[in-house]
C-alpha atoms as a PDB file:
ATOM      1  CA  MET A   1     -79.218 -50.599   5.513  1.00  0.00           C
ATOM      2  CA  LEU A   2     -82.578 -51.043   3.361  1.00  0.00           C
ATOM      3  CA  HIS A   3     -81.914 -51.369  -0.124  1.00  0.00           C
ATOM      4  CA  ALA A   4     -85.188 -50.330  -2.426  1.00  0.00           C
ATOM      5  CA  ASP A   5     -85.658 -48.805  -5.561  1.00  0.00           C
ATOM      6  CA  HIS A   6     -88.927 -47.333  -4.611  1.00  0.00           C
ATOM      7  CA  PHE A   7     -90.237 -47.074  -0.755  1.00  0.00           C
ATOM      8  CA  ARG A   8     -93.644 -45.128  -0.143  1.00  0.00           C
ATOM      9  CA  GLY A   9     -92.551 -42.530  -2.950  1.00  0.00           C
ATOM     10  CA  ARG A  10     -88.784 -42.325  -2.343  1.00  0.00           C
ATOM     11  CA  SER A  11     -85.601 -44.213  -3.458  1.00  0.00           C
ATOM     12  CA  GLY A  12     -83.395 -45.811  -1.531  1.00  0.00           C
ATOM     13  CA  PRO A  13     -81.272 -46.971   0.010  1.00  0.00           C
ATOM     14  CA  PHE A  14     -82.258 -46.331   3.486  1.00  0.00           C
ATOM     15  CA  SER A  15     -80.472 -45.831   6.274  1.00  0.00           C
ATOM     16  CA  ALA A  16     -81.830 -45.299  10.563  1.00  0.00           C
ATOM     17  CA  LEU A  17     -78.344 -44.564  11.094  1.00  0.00           C
ATOM     18  CA  GLU A  18     -77.697 -41.650   8.940  1.00  0.00           C
ATOM     19  CA  LEU A  19     -81.185 -40.116   9.996  1.00  0.00           C
ATOM     20  CA  LEU A  20     -80.091 -40.576  14.151  1.00  0.00           C
ATOM     21  CA  ALA A  21     -76.566 -39.135  12.762  1.00  0.00           C
ATOM     22  CA  ARG A  22     -78.149 -35.700  11.262  1.00  0.00           C
ATOM     23  CA  ARG A  23     -77.438 -32.382  13.457  1.00  0.00           C
ATOM     24  CA  GLU A  24     -81.095 -31.717  14.053  1.00  0.00           C
ATOM     25  CA  PRO A  25     -83.106 -31.580  17.412  1.00  0.00           C
ATOM     26  CA  THR A  26     -85.313 -35.166  18.292  1.00  0.00           C
ATOM     27  CA  THR A  27     -87.469 -36.232  20.887  1.00  0.00           C
ATOM     28  CA  VAL A  28     -86.935 -39.690  22.193  1.00  0.00           C
ATOM     29  CA  TRP A  29     -90.752 -41.673  23.232  1.00  0.00           C
ATOM     30  CA  VAL A  30     -91.291 -44.965  25.052  1.00  0.00           C
ATOM     31  CA  GLY A  31     -94.150 -46.336  24.111  1.00  0.00           C
ATOM     32  CA  PRO A  32     -96.795 -45.054  21.252  1.00  0.00           C
ATOM     33  CA  HIS A  33     -95.621 -42.196  19.458  1.00  0.00           C
ATOM     34  CA  PRO A  34     -97.284 -39.440  17.247  1.00  0.00           C
ATOM     35  CA  HIS A  35     -97.054 -39.821  13.599  1.00  0.00           C
ATOM     36  CA  CYS A  36     -96.939 -36.240  11.510  1.00  0.00           C
ATOM     37  CA  ALA A  37    -100.725 -36.191  10.165  1.00  0.00           C
ATOM     38  CA  SER A  38    -101.807 -40.016  11.245  1.00  0.00           C
ATOM     39  CA  PRO A  39    -102.913 -41.519  14.724  1.00  0.00           C
ATOM     40  CA  PRO A  40    -100.286 -43.641  16.353  1.00  0.00           C
ATOM     41  CA  ALA A  41     -99.582 -47.007  14.649  1.00  0.00           C
ATOM     42  CA  PRO A  42     -99.213 -50.410  16.688  1.00  0.00           C
ATOM     43  CA  PRO A  43     -95.857 -52.159  16.620  1.00  0.00           C
ATOM     44  CA  PRO A  44     -95.446 -55.051  14.043  1.00  0.00           C
ATOM     45  CA  THR A  45     -96.693 -57.950  15.404  1.00  0.00           C
ATOM     46  CA  ASP A  46     -93.601 -59.830  15.932  1.00  0.00           C
ATOM     47  CA  PHE A  47     -92.376 -57.079  18.072  1.00  0.00           C
ATOM     48  CA  ALA A  48     -95.440 -56.029  20.123  1.00  0.00           C
ATOM     49  CA  SER A  49     -94.064 -57.833  23.438  1.00  0.00           C
ATOM     50  CA  LEU A  50     -90.814 -55.730  23.467  1.00  0.00           C
ATOM     51  CA  ARG A  51     -89.940 -51.974  24.764  1.00  0.00           C
ATOM     52  CA  ARG A  52     -90.587 -49.573  21.944  1.00  0.00           C
ATOM     53  CA  VAL A  53     -87.813 -46.756  21.738  1.00  0.00           C
ATOM     54  CA  SER A  54     -88.397 -44.228  19.399  1.00  0.00           C
ATOM     55  CA  VAL A  55     -86.743 -41.025  18.150  1.00  0.00           C
ATOM     56  CA  GLN A  56     -88.199 -39.062  15.493  1.00  0.00           C
ATOM     57  CA  PRO A  57     -87.124 -35.212  14.464  1.00  0.00           C
ATOM     58  CA  SER A  58     -88.582 -32.798  16.950  1.00  0.00           C
ATOM     59  CA  GLN A  59     -89.455 -30.078  14.218  1.00  0.00           C
ATOM     60  CA  PRO A  60     -89.255 -31.493  10.472  1.00  0.00           C
ATOM     61  CA  ARG A  61     -86.734 -29.555   8.651  1.00  0.00           C
ATOM     62  CA  ASP A  62     -89.380 -28.303   6.327  1.00  0.00           C
ATOM     63  CA  ASP A  63     -92.438 -27.999   8.752  1.00  0.00           C
ATOM     64  CA  THR A  64     -94.376 -30.762   7.073  1.00  0.00           C
ATOM     65  CA  CYS A  65     -94.707 -34.016   7.044  1.00  0.00           C
ATOM     66  CA  LEU A  66     -92.556 -34.514   4.147  1.00  0.00           C
ATOM     67  CA  SER A  67     -89.359 -34.904   6.002  1.00  0.00           C
ATOM     68  CA  TRP A  68     -90.547 -36.287   9.190  1.00  0.00           C
ATOM     69  CA  TRP A  69     -89.296 -39.520   9.986  1.00  0.00           C
ATOM     70  CA  THR A  70     -89.229 -42.254  13.299  1.00  0.00           C
ATOM     71  CA  VAL A  71     -86.485 -44.693  13.751  1.00  0.00           C
ATOM     72  CA  ASP A  72     -88.444 -47.513  16.586  1.00  0.00           C
ATOM     73  CA  LEU A  73     -85.833 -49.582  18.298  1.00  0.00           C
ATOM     74  CA  PHE A  74     -87.607 -52.635  19.991  1.00  0.00           C
ATOM     75  CA  VAL A  75     -85.547 -53.478  23.163  1.00  0.00           C
ATOM     76  CA  SER A  76     -85.926 -56.960  24.693  1.00  0.00           C
ATOM     77  CA  VAL A  77     -86.173 -57.348  28.603  1.00  0.00           C
ATOM     78  CA  ASP A  78     -81.999 -57.730  28.844  1.00  0.00           C
ATOM     79  CA  GLY A  79     -81.800 -54.711  27.128  1.00  0.00           C
ATOM     80  CA  ARG A  80     -80.649 -55.890  23.922  1.00  0.00           C
ATOM     81  CA  VAL A  81     -81.965 -54.010  20.585  1.00  0.00           C
ATOM     82  CA  ALA A  82     -83.922 -56.897  18.971  1.00  0.00           C
ATOM     83  CA  ALA A  83     -85.090 -54.736  15.885  1.00  0.00           C
ATOM     84  CA  VAL A  84     -85.182 -51.155  14.252  1.00  0.00           C
ATOM     85  CA  THR A  85     -87.385 -50.400  11.847  1.00  0.00           C
ATOM     86  CA  LEU A  86     -87.529 -46.700   9.970  1.00  0.00           C
ATOM     87  CA  ASP A  87     -90.740 -45.299   9.125  1.00  0.00           C
ATOM     88  CA  LEU A  88     -90.710 -42.240   6.507  1.00  0.00           C
ATOM     89  CA  TRP A  89     -93.731 -40.294   5.376  1.00  0.00           C
ATOM     90  CA  ASP A  90     -94.991 -40.593   2.002  1.00  0.00           C
ATOM     91  CA  PRO A  91     -94.276 -37.469  -0.315  1.00  0.00           C
END
């Protein structure tokens, strides 16, 4: 859980697990994934050598980028999750 007063125009706390637990269709990507309205972004430098598994809504709830999100899992060669990042679209 990320505790932050404001992040990209939203107010926290933020939880990747809460987004993943929603009852909405999702798409899973391995490697680079699309963003809502921008080109794919590179992974954080510290995790660039790890396998990237991403989960994002198949169709944002309001059909706009405002409810778009991605949870990225960075997986080591032995199959362990080494890092989790959460990407929220700017409102």
